[in-house]
Amino acid sequence: MANELYSPYEGNYESPGDFRYQGRGAAGAPGNGYGYTGPEQFRPLTPWAYLGYGILFSIPLVGLIALGYYSLNDDNINRRSFARSYWCMALVAVGLLLLAGPFDLSVMSAGALPFL
């Protein structure tokens, strides 16, 4: 009994190391490997998807177009929310740069930071 550990990959489950692994949803139903079996519109994004979209949105012109498209598209609600949050963070960053810009110029022009 001590050597018999529970493994979620026994029985109907396939090994996650297998390239054909599709994952299973709740109660062994087909899913995306994260247990979600609901509508495609509400499918959660994987951490790799967040990383990929973050890189895509960082590309200067293509990212701006993709950001506008995904922030208005409702094919996936989580992707749309991520795109909108990226807009919010960009606006906060631009606002901070506009607030800090005059301060940086005044400090540097006064000679307080001669090494800059």
PDB file of N, CA and C in Angstrom:
ATOM      1  N   MET A   1       0.822  -1.201   0.000  1.00  0.00           N
ATOM      2  CA  MET A   1       0.000   0.000   0.000  1.00  0.00           C
ATOM      3  C   MET A   1       0.866   1.265   0.000  1.00  0.00           C
ATOM      4  N   ALA A   2       2.005   1.236   0.694  1.00  0.00           N
ATOM      5  CA  ALA A   2       2.852   2.418   0.774  1.00  0.00           C
ATOM      6  C   ALA A   2       3.501   2.728  -0.569  1.00  0.00           C
ATOM      7  N   ASN A   3       3.750   1.694  -1.382  1.00  0.00           N
ATOM      8  CA  ASN A   3       4.381   1.916  -2.670  1.00  0.00           C
ATOM      9  C   ASN A   3       3.391   2.285  -3.759  1.00  0.00           C
ATOM     10  N   GLU A   4       2.100   2.184  -3.476  1.00  0.00           N
ATOM     11  CA  GLU A   4       1.083   2.488  -4.462  1.00  0.00           C
ATOM     12  C   GLU A   4       0.646   3.945  -4.326  1.00  0.00           C
ATOM     13  N   LEU A   5       1.266   4.819  -5.057  1.00  0.00           N
ATOM     14  CA  LEU A   5       0.921   6.235  -5.039  1.00  0.00           C
ATOM     15  C   LEU A   5      -0.110   6.518  -6.109  1.00  0.00           C
ATOM     16  N   TYR A   6      -0.985   7.460  -5.844  1.00  0.00           N
ATOM     17  CA  TYR A   6      -2.006   7.831  -6.816  1.00  0.00           C
ATOM     18  C   TYR A   6      -1.361   8.614  -7.950  1.00  0.00           C
ATOM     19  N   SER A   7      -1.672   8.259  -9.152  1.00  0.00           N
ATOM     20  CA  SER A   7      -1.185   8.980 -10.318  1.00  0.00           C
ATOM     21  C   SER A   7      -2.370   9.368 -11.191  1.00  0.00           C
ATOM     22  N   PRO A   8      -2.518  10.647 -11.530  1.00  0.00           N
ATOM     23  CA  PRO A   8      -3.645  11.038 -12.385  1.00  0.00           C
ATOM     24  C   PRO A   8      -3.485  10.561 -13.815  1.00  0.00           C
ATOM     25  N   TYR A   9      -2.340   9.959 -14.142  1.00  0.00           N
ATOM     26  CA  TYR A   9      -2.087   9.534 -15.517  1.00  0.00           C
ATOM     27  C   TYR A   9      -2.310   8.039 -15.707  1.00  0.00           C
ATOM     28  N   GLU A  10      -2.959   7.406 -14.747  1.00  0.00           N
ATOM     29  CA  GLU A  10      -3.271   5.993 -14.890  1.00  0.00           C
ATOM     30  C   GLU A  10      -4.650   5.839 -15.502  1.00  0.00           C
ATOM     31  N   GLY A  11      -4.926   4.693 -16.046  1.00  0.00           N
ATOM     32  CA  GLY A  11      -6.254   4.424 -16.576  1.00  0.00           C
ATOM     33  C   GLY A  11      -6.470   5.094 -17.921  1.00  0.00           C
ATOM     34  N   ASN A  12      -7.444   5.978 -17.989  1.00  0.00           N
ATOM     35  CA  ASN A  12      -7.793   6.633 -19.245  1.00  0.00           C
ATOM     36  C   ASN A  12      -6.864   7.789 -19.594  1.00  0.00           C
ATOM     37  N   TYR A  13      -5.988   8.144 -18.696  1.00  0.00           N
ATOM     38  CA  TYR A  13      -5.116   9.287 -18.936  1.00  0.00           C
ATOM     39  C   TYR A  13      -3.883   8.867 -19.707  1.00  0.00           C
ATOM     40  N   GLU A  14      -3.384   9.763 -20.506  1.00  0.00           N
ATOM     41  CA  GLU A  14      -2.153   9.530 -21.242  1.00  0.00           C
ATOM     42  C   GLU A  14      -1.015  10.260 -20.552  1.00  0.00           C
ATOM     43  N   SER A  15       0.177   9.877 -20.811  1.00  0.00           N
ATOM     44  CA  SER A  15       1.349  10.495 -20.210  1.00  0.00           C
ATOM     45  C   SER A  15       1.542  11.907 -20.756  1.00  0.00           C
ATOM     46  N   PRO A  16       1.824  12.905 -19.873  1.00  0.00           N
ATOM     47  CA  PRO A  16       2.057  14.265 -20.381  1.00  0.00           C
ATOM     48  C   PRO A  16       3.335  14.367 -21.197  1.00  0.00           C
ATOM     49  N   GLY A  17       4.235  13.401 -21.077  1.00  0.00           N
ATOM     50  CA  GLY A  17       5.441  13.408 -21.877  1.00  0.00           C
ATOM     51  C   GLY A  17       5.199  12.932 -23.297  1.00  0.00           C
ATOM     52  N   ASP A  18       4.061  12.322 -23.519  1.00  0.00           N
ATOM     53  CA  ASP A  18       3.712  11.827 -24.847  1.00  0.00           C
ATOM     54  C   ASP A  18       3.306  12.999 -25.719  1.00  0.00           C
ATOM     55  N   PHE A  19       3.847  13.082 -26.938  1.00  0.00           N
ATOM     56  CA  PHE A  19       3.538  14.229 -27.795  1.00  0.00           C
ATOM     57  C   PHE A  19       2.083  14.244 -28.233  1.00  0.00           C
ATOM     58  N   ARG A  20       1.380  13.144 -28.077  1.00  0.00           N
ATOM     59  CA  ARG A  20      -0.029  13.089 -28.449  1.00  0.00           C
ATOM     60  C   ARG A  20      -0.940  13.459 -27.288  1.00  0.00           C
ATOM     61  N   TYR A  21      -0.375  13.877 -26.158  1.00  0.00           N
ATOM     62  CA  TYR A  21      -1.163  14.171 -24.964  1.00  0.00           C
ATOM     63  C   TYR A  21      -2.116  15.332 -25.210  1.00  0.00           C
ATOM     64  N   GLN A  22      -3.391  15.083 -25.049  1.00  0.00           N
ATOM     65  CA  GLN A  22      -4.405  16.108 -25.231  1.00  0.00           C
ATOM     66  C   GLN A  22      -4.981  16.575 -23.910  1.00  0.00           C
ATOM     67  N   GLY A  23      -4.703  15.848 -22.841  1.00  0.00           N
ATOM     68  CA  GLY A  23      -5.236  16.212 -21.541  1.00  0.00           C
ATOM     69  C   GLY A  23      -6.672  15.752 -21.401  1.00  0.00           C
ATOM     70  N   ARG A  24      -7.162  15.873 -20.210  1.00  0.00           N
ATOM     71  CA  ARG A  24      -8.534  15.493 -19.930  1.00  0.00           C
ATOM     72  C   ARG A  24      -9.170  16.575 -19.096  1.00  0.00           C
ATOM     73  N   GLY A  25     -10.435  16.772 -19.293  1.00  0.00           N
ATOM     74  CA  GLY A  25     -11.186  17.732 -18.501  1.00  0.00           C
ATOM     75  C   GLY A  25     -11.701  17.084 -17.238  1.00  0.00           C
ATOM     76  N   ALA A  26     -12.748  17.617 -16.682  1.00  0.00           N
ATOM     77  CA  ALA A  26     -13.330  17.089 -15.459  1.00  0.00           C
ATOM     78  C   ALA A  26     -13.875  15.687 -15.718  1.00  0.00           C
ATOM     79  N   ALA A  27     -13.649  14.803 -14.795  1.00  0.00           N
ATOM     80  CA  ALA A  27     -14.151  13.426 -14.830  1.00  0.00           C
ATOM     81  C   ALA A  27     -13.701  12.687 -16.086  1.00  0.00           C
ATOM     82  N   GLY A  28     -12.521  13.013 -16.603  1.00  0.00           N
ATOM     83  CA  GLY A  28     -11.973  12.289 -17.742  1.00  0.00           C
ATOM     84  C   GLY A  28     -12.514  12.715 -19.092  1.00  0.00           C
ATOM     85  N   ALA A  29     -13.335  13.756 -19.133  1.00  0.00           N
ATOM     86  CA  ALA A  29     -13.860  14.230 -20.410  1.00  0.00           C
ATOM     87  C   ALA A  29     -12.743  14.902 -21.197  1.00  0.00           C
ATOM     88  N   PRO A  30     -12.805  14.870 -22.521  1.00  0.00           N
ATOM     89  CA  PRO A  30     -11.762  15.546 -23.302  1.00  0.00           C
ATOM     90  C   PRO A  30     -11.710  17.026 -22.977  1.00  0.00           C
ATOM     91  N   GLY A  31     -10.525  17.546 -22.859  1.00  0.00           N
ATOM     92  CA  GLY A  31     -10.363  18.963 -22.536  1.00  0.00           C
ATOM     93  C   GLY A  31      -9.043  19.471 -23.056  1.00  0.00           C
ATOM     94  N   ASN A  32      -8.563  20.554 -22.491  1.00  0.00           N
ATOM     95  CA  ASN A  32      -7.313  21.133 -22.964  1.00  0.00           C
ATOM     96  C   ASN A  32      -6.156  20.857 -22.012  1.00  0.00           C
ATOM     97  N   GLY A  33      -6.308  19.957 -21.071  1.00  0.00           N
ATOM     98  CA  GLY A  33      -5.242  19.634 -20.145  1.00  0.00           C
ATOM     99  C   GLY A  33      -5.281  20.456 -18.878  1.00  0.00           C
ATOM    100  N   TYR A  34      -6.148  21.467 -18.805  1.00  0.00           N
ATOM    101  CA  TYR A  34      -6.263  22.295 -17.621  1.00  0.00           C
ATOM    102  C   TYR A  34      -7.596  22.081 -16.926  1.00  0.00           C
ATOM    103  N   GLY A  35      -8.349  21.113 -17.345  1.00  0.00           N
ATOM    104  CA  GLY A  35      -9.607  20.792 -16.697  1.00  0.00           C
ATOM    105  C   GLY A  35     -10.771  21.636 -17.165  1.00  0.00           C
ATOM    106  N   TYR A  36     -10.605  22.426 -18.186  1.00  0.00           N
ATOM    107  CA  TYR A  36     -11.687  23.291 -18.662  1.00  0.00           C
ATOM    108  C   TYR A  36     -12.412  22.617 -19.815  1.00  0.00           C
ATOM    109  N   THR A  37     -13.729  22.517 -19.696  1.00  0.00           N
ATOM    110  CA  THR A  37     -14.525  21.881 -20.746  1.00  0.00           C
ATOM    111  C   THR A  37     -15.679  22.767 -21.188  1.00  0.00           C
ATOM    112  N   GLY A  38     -15.656  24.029 -20.830  1.00  0.00           N
ATOM    113  CA  GLY A  38     -16.738  24.944 -21.164  1.00  0.00           C
ATOM    114  C   GLY A  38     -16.629  25.509 -22.564  1.00  0.00           C
ATOM    115  N   PRO A  39     -17.369  26.584 -22.820  1.00  0.00           N
ATOM    116  CA  PRO A  39     -17.346  27.198 -24.151  1.00  0.00           C
ATOM    117  C   PRO A  39     -15.957  27.751 -24.498  1.00  0.00           C
ATOM    118  N   GLU A  40     -15.651  27.725 -25.769  1.00  0.00           N
ATOM    119  CA  GLU A  40     -14.348  28.195 -26.246  1.00  0.00           C
ATOM    120  C   GLU A  40     -14.145  29.683 -25.958  1.00  0.00           C
ATOM    121  N   GLN A  41     -15.220  30.430 -25.895  1.00  0.00           N
ATOM    122  CA  GLN A  41     -15.136  31.870 -25.654  1.00  0.00           C
ATOM    123  C   GLN A  41     -14.539  32.176 -24.280  1.00  0.00           C
ATOM    124  N   PHE A  42     -14.722  31.288 -23.313  1.00  0.00           N
ATOM    125  CA  PHE A  42     -14.241  31.520 -21.948  1.00  0.00           C
ATOM    126  C   PHE A  42     -13.037  30.658 -21.594  1.00  0.00           C
ATOM    127  N   ARG A  43     -12.405  30.018 -22.581  1.00  0.00           N
ATOM    128  CA  ARG A  43     -11.259  29.160 -22.326  1.00  0.00           C
ATOM    129  C   ARG A  43     -10.119  29.972 -21.717  1.00  0.00           C
ATOM    130  N   PRO A  44      -9.545  29.487 -20.619  1.00  0.00           N
ATOM    131  CA  PRO A  44      -8.424  30.222 -20.013  1.00  0.00           C
ATOM    132  C   PRO A  44      -7.188  30.192 -20.903  1.00  0.00           C
ATOM    133  N   LEU A  45      -6.389  31.230 -20.811  1.00  0.00           N
ATOM    134  CA  LEU A  45      -5.123  31.279 -21.534  1.00  0.00           C
ATOM    135  C   LEU A  45      -4.049  30.587 -20.712  1.00  0.00           C
ATOM    136  N   THR A  46      -3.148  29.917 -21.378  1.00  0.00           N
ATOM    137  CA  THR A  46      -2.040  29.267 -20.685  1.00  0.00           C
ATOM    138  C   THR A  46      -0.967  30.319 -20.368  1.00  0.00           C
ATOM    139  N   PRO A  47      -0.075  30.018 -19.455  1.00  0.00           N
ATOM    140  CA  PRO A  47       1.020  30.964 -19.197  1.00  0.00           C
ATOM    141  C   PRO A  47       1.860  31.243 -20.442  1.00  0.00           C
ATOM    142  N   TRP A  48       2.036  30.255 -21.300  1.00  0.00           N
ATOM    143  CA  TRP A  48       2.778  30.471 -22.548  1.00  0.00           C
ATOM    144  C   TRP A  48       2.025  31.409 -23.473  1.00  0.00           C
ATOM    145  N   ALA A  49       0.703  31.349 -23.448  1.00  0.00           N
ATOM    146  CA  ALA A  49      -0.088  32.266 -24.279  1.00  0.00           C
ATOM    147  C   ALA A  49       0.091  33.699 -23.795  1.00  0.00           C
ATOM    148  N   TYR A  50       0.079  33.900 -22.473  1.00  0.00           N
ATOM    149  CA  TYR A  50       0.303  35.245 -21.941  1.00  0.00           C
ATOM    150  C   TYR A  50       1.681  35.759 -22.337  1.00  0.00           C
ATOM    151  N   LEU A  51       2.685  34.905 -22.261  1.00  0.00           N
ATOM    152  CA  LEU A  51       4.031  35.312 -22.657  1.00  0.00           C
ATOM    153  C   LEU A  51       4.075  35.655 -24.140  1.00  0.00           C
ATOM    154  N   GLY A  52       3.468  34.817 -24.961  1.00  0.00           N
ATOM    155  CA  GLY A  52       3.464  35.059 -26.397  1.00  0.00           C
ATOM    156  C   GLY A  52       2.730  36.333 -26.771  1.00  0.00           C
ATOM    157  N   TYR A  53       1.570  36.564 -26.162  1.00  0.00           N
ATOM    158  CA  TYR A  53       0.830  37.795 -26.458  1.00  0.00           C
ATOM    159  C   TYR A  53       1.592  39.021 -25.951  1.00  0.00           C
ATOM    160  N   GLY A  54       2.268  38.899 -24.806  1.00  0.00           N
ATOM    161  CA  GLY A  54       3.074  40.015 -24.317  1.00  0.00           C
ATOM    162  C   GLY A  54       4.191  40.375 -25.266  1.00  0.00           C
ATOM    163  N   ILE A  55       4.842  39.357 -25.827  1.00  0.00           N
ATOM    164  CA  ILE A  55       5.898  39.613 -26.814  1.00  0.00           C
ATOM    165  C   ILE A  55       5.311  40.205 -28.086  1.00  0.00           C
ATOM    166  N   LEU A  56       4.172  39.656 -28.527  1.00  0.00           N
ATOM    167  CA  LEU A  56       3.527  40.169 -29.734  1.00  0.00           C
ATOM    168  C   LEU A  56       3.138  41.633 -29.572  1.00  0.00           C
ATOM    169  N   PHE A  57       2.566  41.985 -28.430  1.00  0.00           N
ATOM    170  CA  PHE A  57       2.133  43.367 -28.203  1.00  0.00           C
ATOM    171  C   PHE A  57       3.307  44.320 -28.073  1.00  0.00           C
ATOM    172  N   SER A  58       4.495  43.801 -27.798  1.00  0.00           N
ATOM    173  CA  SER A  58       5.684  44.654 -27.656  1.00  0.00           C
ATOM    174  C   SER A  58       6.312  45.030 -28.987  1.00  0.00           C
ATOM    175  N   ILE A  59       5.959  44.339 -30.055  1.00  0.00           N
ATOM    176  CA  ILE A  59       6.501  44.665 -31.379  1.00  0.00           C
ATOM    177  C   ILE A  59       5.875  45.984 -31.831  1.00  0.00           C
ATOM    178  N   PRO A  60       6.658  46.967 -32.245  1.00  0.00           N
ATOM    179  CA  PRO A  60       6.141  48.320 -32.455  1.00  0.00           C
ATOM    180  C   PRO A  60       4.872  48.452 -33.296  1.00  0.00           C
ATOM    181  N   LEU A  61       4.861  48.170 -34.560  1.00  0.00           N
ATOM    182  CA  LEU A  61       3.673  48.433 -35.376  1.00  0.00           C
ATOM    183  C   LEU A  61       2.714  47.247 -35.393  1.00  0.00           C
ATOM    184  N   VAL A  62       3.256  46.056 -35.533  1.00  0.00           N
ATOM    185  CA  VAL A  62       2.424  44.845 -35.561  1.00  0.00           C
ATOM    186  C   VAL A  62       1.720  44.662 -34.222  1.00  0.00           C
ATOM    187  N   GLY A  63       2.435  44.936 -33.144  1.00  0.00           N
ATOM    188  CA  GLY A  63       1.853  44.794 -31.819  1.00  0.00           C
ATOM    189  C   GLY A  63       0.712  45.758 -31.577  1.00  0.00           C
ATOM    190  N   LEU A  64       0.838  46.961 -32.087  1.00  0.00           N
ATOM    191  CA  LEU A  64      -0.229  47.951 -31.930  1.00  0.00           C
ATOM    192  C   LEU A  64      -1.492  47.523 -32.678  1.00  0.00           C
ATOM    193  N   ILE A  65      -1.309  46.979 -33.870  1.00  0.00           N
ATOM    194  CA  ILE A  65      -2.456  46.491 -34.642  1.00  0.00           C
ATOM    195  C   ILE A  65      -3.092  45.293 -33.949  1.00  0.00           C
ATOM    196  N   ALA A  66      -2.267  44.337 -33.501  1.00  0.00           N
ATOM    197  CA  ALA A  66      -2.787  43.161 -32.809  1.00  0.00           C
ATOM    198  C   ALA A  66      -3.462  43.551 -31.497  1.00  0.00           C
ATOM    199  N   LEU A  67      -2.895  44.514 -30.806  1.00  0.00           N
ATOM    200  CA  LEU A  67      -3.482  44.982 -29.547  1.00  0.00           C
ATOM    201  C   LEU A  67      -4.857  45.584 -29.773  1.00  0.00           C
ATOM    202  N   GLY A  68      -4.994  46.387 -30.801  1.00  0.00           N
ATOM    203  CA  GLY A  68      -6.306  46.949 -31.117  1.00  0.00           C
ATOM    204  C   GLY A  68      -7.304  45.890 -31.527  1.00  0.00           C
ATOM    205  N   TYR A  69      -6.848  44.919 -32.320  1.00  0.00           N
ATOM    206  CA  TYR A  69      -7.748  43.857 -32.772  1.00  0.00           C
ATOM    207  C   TYR A  69      -8.222  42.999 -31.601  1.00  0.00           C
ATOM    208  N   TYR A  70      -7.285  42.534 -30.771  1.00  0.00           N
ATOM    209  CA  TYR A  70      -7.655  41.641 -29.674  1.00  0.00           C
ATOM    210  C   TYR A  70      -8.411  42.351 -28.564  1.00  0.00           C
ATOM    211  N   SER A  71      -8.213  43.645 -28.384  1.00  0.00           N
ATOM    212  CA  SER A  71      -8.950  44.350 -27.336  1.00  0.00           C
ATOM    213  C   SER A  71     -10.400  44.596 -27.729  1.00  0.00           C
ATOM    214  N   LEU A  72     -10.725  44.493 -29.015  1.00  0.00           N
ATOM    215  CA  LEU A  72     -12.105  44.661 -29.467  1.00  0.00           C
ATOM    216  C   LEU A  72     -12.768  43.342 -29.870  1.00  0.00           C
ATOM    217  N   ASN A  73     -12.002  42.277 -29.992  1.00  0.00           N
ATOM    218  CA  ASN A  73     -12.499  40.978 -30.424  1.00  0.00           C
ATOM    219  C   ASN A  73     -13.040  40.199 -29.222  1.00  0.00           C
ATOM    220  N   ASP A  74     -14.157  39.495 -29.393  1.00  0.00           N
ATOM    221  CA  ASP A  74     -14.700  38.722 -28.275  1.00  0.00           C
ATOM    222  C   ASP A  74     -14.674  37.219 -28.527  1.00  0.00           C
ATOM    223  N   ASP A  75     -13.728  36.739 -29.352  1.00  0.00           N
ATOM    224  CA  ASP A  75     -13.588  35.297 -29.543  1.00  0.00           C
ATOM    225  C   ASP A  75     -13.146  34.611 -28.256  1.00  0.00           C
ATOM    226  N   ASN A  76     -12.293  35.262 -27.475  1.00  0.00           N
ATOM    227  CA  ASN A  76     -11.857  34.746 -26.186  1.00  0.00           C
ATOM    228  C   ASN A  76     -11.827  35.916 -25.207  1.00  0.00           C
ATOM    229  N   ILE A  77     -12.657  35.822 -24.172  1.00  0.00           N
ATOM    230  CA  ILE A  77     -12.812  36.917 -23.211  1.00  0.00           C
ATOM    231  C   ILE A  77     -11.507  37.171 -22.448  1.00  0.00           C
ATOM    232  N   ASN A  78     -10.776  36.115 -22.117  1.00  0.00           N
ATOM    233  CA  ASN A  78      -9.536  36.289 -21.357  1.00  0.00           C
ATOM    234  C   ASN A  78      -8.460  36.985 -22.178  1.00  0.00           C
ATOM    235  N   ARG A  79      -8.389  36.664 -23.464  1.00  0.00           N
ATOM    236  CA  ARG A  79      -7.431  37.344 -24.332  1.00  0.00           C
ATOM    237  C   ARG A  79      -7.805  38.813 -24.482  1.00  0.00           C
ATOM    238  N   ARG A  80      -9.107  39.095 -24.622  1.00  0.00           N
ATOM    239  CA  ARG A  80      -9.557  40.478 -24.740  1.00  0.00           C
ATOM    240  C   ARG A  80      -9.223  41.260 -23.471  1.00  0.00           C
ATOM    241  N   SER A  81      -9.439  40.646 -22.313  1.00  0.00           N
ATOM    242  CA  SER A  81      -9.117  41.318 -21.053  1.00  0.00           C
ATOM    243  C   SER A  81      -7.619  41.576 -20.916  1.00  0.00           C
ATOM    244  N   PHE A  82      -6.807  40.620 -21.361  1.00  0.00           N
ATOM    245  CA  PHE A  82      -5.359  40.825 -21.303  1.00  0.00           C
ATOM    246  C   PHE A  82      -4.933  41.965 -22.212  1.00  0.00           C
ATOM    247  N   ALA A  83      -5.514  42.038 -23.407  1.00  0.00           N
ATOM    248  CA  ALA A  83      -5.179  43.124 -24.332  1.00  0.00           C
ATOM    249  C   ALA A  83      -5.608  44.468 -23.757  1.00  0.00           C
ATOM    250  N   ARG A  84      -6.762  44.514 -23.138  1.00  0.00           N
ATOM    251  CA  ARG A  84      -7.215  45.781 -22.532  1.00  0.00           C
ATOM    252  C   ARG A  84      -6.340  46.172 -21.352  1.00  0.00           C
ATOM    253  N   SER A  85      -5.904  45.191 -20.576  1.00  0.00           N
ATOM    254  CA  SER A  85      -5.010  45.517 -19.458  1.00  0.00           C
ATOM    255  C   SER A  85      -3.661  46.008 -19.971  1.00  0.00           C
ATOM    256  N   TYR A  86      -3.229  45.504 -21.133  1.00  0.00           N
ATOM    257  CA  TYR A  86      -1.985  45.980 -21.738  1.00  0.00           C
ATOM    258  C   TYR A  86      -2.124  47.443 -22.150  1.00  0.00           C
ATOM    259  N   TRP A  87      -3.298  47.811 -22.684  1.00  0.00           N
ATOM    260  CA  TRP A  87      -3.566  49.226 -22.997  1.00  0.00           C
ATOM    261  C   TRP A  87      -3.463  50.073 -21.737  1.00  0.00           C
ATOM    262  N   CYS A  88      -4.070  49.606 -20.648  1.00  0.00           N
ATOM    263  CA  CYS A  88      -4.050  50.375 -19.395  1.00  0.00           C
ATOM    264  C   CYS A  88      -2.622  50.563 -18.894  1.00  0.00           C
ATOM    265  N   MET A  89      -1.824  49.495 -18.945  1.00  0.00           N
ATOM    266  CA  MET A  89      -0.439  49.616 -18.490  1.00  0.00           C
ATOM    267  C   MET A  89       0.362  50.553 -19.397  1.00  0.00           C
ATOM    268  N   ALA A  90       0.084  50.532 -20.692  1.00  0.00           N
ATOM    269  CA  ALA A  90       0.773  51.447 -21.608  1.00  0.00           C
ATOM    270  C   ALA A  90       0.404  52.892 -21.301  1.00  0.00           C
ATOM    271  N   LEU A  91      -0.872  53.146 -20.998  1.00  0.00           N
ATOM    272  CA  LEU A  91      -1.293  54.511 -20.659  1.00  0.00           C
ATOM    273  C   LEU A  91      -0.662  54.976 -19.351  1.00  0.00           C
ATOM    274  N   VAL A  92      -0.562  54.080 -18.364  1.00  0.00           N
ATOM    275  CA  VAL A  92       0.090  54.428 -17.099  1.00  0.00           C
ATOM    276  C   VAL A  92       1.565  54.734 -17.344  1.00  0.00           C
ATOM    277  N   ALA A  93       2.235  53.923 -18.165  1.00  0.00           N
ATOM    278  CA  ALA A  93       3.656  54.155 -18.453  1.00  0.00           C
ATOM    279  C   ALA A  93       3.867  55.483 -19.167  1.00  0.00           C
ATOM    280  N   VAL A  94       3.014  55.792 -20.133  1.00  0.00           N
ATOM    281  CA  VAL A  94       3.133  57.071 -20.844  1.00  0.00           C
ATOM    282  C   VAL A  94       2.866  58.231 -19.887  1.00  0.00           C
ATOM    283  N   GLY A  95       1.878  58.081 -19.021  1.00  0.00           N
ATOM    284  CA  GLY A  95       1.583  59.124 -18.032  1.00  0.00           C
ATOM    285  C   GLY A  95       2.748  59.369 -17.091  1.00  0.00           C
ATOM    286  N   LEU A  96       3.380  58.288 -16.628  1.00  0.00           N
ATOM    287  CA  LEU A  96       4.539  58.440 -15.749  1.00  0.00           C
ATOM    288  C   LEU A  96       5.714  59.086 -16.478  1.00  0.00           C
ATOM    289  N   LEU A  97       5.896  58.746 -17.734  1.00  0.00           N
ATOM    290  CA  LEU A  97       6.969  59.376 -18.508  1.00  0.00           C
ATOM    291  C   LEU A  97       6.705  60.868 -18.702  1.00  0.00           C
ATOM    292  N   LEU A  98       5.446  61.227 -18.945  1.00  0.00           N
ATOM    293  CA  LEU A  98       5.123  62.643 -19.112  1.00  0.00           C
ATOM    294  C   LEU A  98       5.301  63.420 -17.811  1.00  0.00           C
ATOM    295  N   LEU A  99       4.987  62.790 -16.685  1.00  0.00           N
ATOM    296  CA  LEU A  99       5.176  63.457 -15.392  1.00  0.00           C
ATOM    297  C   LEU A  99       6.647  63.558 -15.016  1.00  0.00           C
ATOM    298  N   ALA A 100       7.411  62.529 -15.337  1.00  0.00           N
ATOM    299  CA  ALA A 100       8.822  62.506 -14.943  1.00  0.00           C
ATOM    300  C   ALA A 100       9.708  63.265 -15.921  1.00  0.00           C
ATOM    301  N   GLY A 101       9.248  63.488 -17.135  1.00  0.00           N
ATOM    302  CA  GLY A 101      10.061  64.156 -18.145  1.00  0.00           C
ATOM    303  C   GLY A 101      10.556  65.528 -17.729  1.00  0.00           C
ATOM    304  N   PRO A 102       9.673  66.453 -17.319  1.00  0.00           N
ATOM    305  CA  PRO A 102      10.161  67.784 -16.910  1.00  0.00           C
ATOM    306  C   PRO A 102      11.090  67.736 -15.711  1.00  0.00           C
ATOM    307  N   PHE A 103      10.857  66.817 -14.786  1.00  0.00           N
ATOM    308  CA  PHE A 103      11.721  66.703 -13.611  1.00  0.00           C
ATOM    309  C   PHE A 103      13.120  66.276 -14.027  1.00  0.00           C
ATOM    310  N   ASP A 104      13.219  65.296 -14.902  1.00  0.00           N
ATOM    311  CA  ASP A 104      14.531  64.828 -15.344  1.00  0.00           C
ATOM    312  C   ASP A 104      15.298  65.941 -16.049  1.00  0.00           C
ATOM    313  N   LEU A 105      14.643  66.696 -16.896  1.00  0.00           N
ATOM    314  CA  LEU A 105      15.316  67.772 -17.616  1.00  0.00           C
ATOM    315  C   LEU A 105      15.755  68.881 -16.666  1.00  0.00           C
ATOM    316  N   SER A 106      14.929  69.195 -15.676  1.00  0.00           N
ATOM    317  CA  SER A 106      15.299  70.273 -14.755  1.00  0.00           C
ATOM    318  C   SER A 106      16.459  69.871 -13.861  1.00  0.00           C
ATOM    319  N   VAL A 107      16.509  68.626 -13.445  1.00  0.00           N
ATOM    320  CA  VAL A 107      17.614  68.166 -12.600  1.00  0.00           C
ATOM    321  C   VAL A 107      18.902  68.121 -13.401  1.00  0.00           C
ATOM    322  N   MET A 108      18.827  67.635 -14.637  1.00  0.00           N
ATOM    323  CA  MET A 108      20.041  67.537 -15.441  1.00  0.00           C
ATOM    324  C   MET A 108      20.531  68.935 -15.863  1.00  0.00           C
ATOM    325  N   SER A 109      19.633  69.865 -16.147  1.00  0.00           N
ATOM    326  CA  SER A 109      20.055  71.186 -16.587  1.00  0.00           C
ATOM    327  C   SER A 109      20.621  72.004 -15.418  1.00  0.00           C
ATOM    328  N   ALA A 110      20.226  71.667 -14.204  1.00  0.00           N
ATOM    329  CA  ALA A 110      20.751  72.384 -13.031  1.00  0.00           C
ATOM    330  C   ALA A 110      22.145  71.891 -12.647  1.00  0.00           C
ATOM    331  N   GLY A 111      22.595  70.831 -13.261  1.00  0.00           N
ATOM    332  CA  GLY A 111      23.935  70.322 -12.950  1.00  0.00           C
ATOM    333  C   GLY A 111      23.976  69.467 -11.712  1.00  0.00           C
ATOM    334  N   ALA A 112      22.828  69.066 -11.199  1.00  0.00           N
ATOM    335  CA  ALA A 112      22.811  68.257  -9.991  1.00  0.00           C
ATOM    336  C   ALA A 112      23.323  66.841 -10.251  1.00  0.00           C
ATOM    337  N   LEU A 113      23.167  66.381 -11.481  1.00  0.00           N
ATOM    338  CA  LEU A 113      23.649  65.053 -11.851  1.00  0.00           C
ATOM    339  C   LEU A 113      24.625  65.195 -13.009  1.00  0.00           C
ATOM    340  N   PRO A 114      25.853  65.569 -12.729  1.00  0.00           N
ATOM    341  CA  PRO A 114      26.791  65.852 -13.815  1.00  0.00           C
ATOM    342  C   PRO A 114      27.209  64.615 -14.607  1.00  0.00           C
ATOM    343  N   PHE A 115      26.995  63.421 -14.043  1.00  0.00           N
ATOM    344  CA  PHE A 115      27.411  62.215 -14.755  1.00  0.00           C
ATOM    345  C   PHE A 115      26.402  61.791 -15.804  1.00  0.00           C
ATOM    346  N   LEU A 116      25.251  62.433 -15.895  1.00  0.00           N
ATOM    347  CA  LEU A 116      24.256  62.063 -16.909  1.00  0.00           C
ATOM    348  C   LEU A 116      24.414  62.891 -18.138  1.00  0.00           C
TER     349      LEU A 116
END
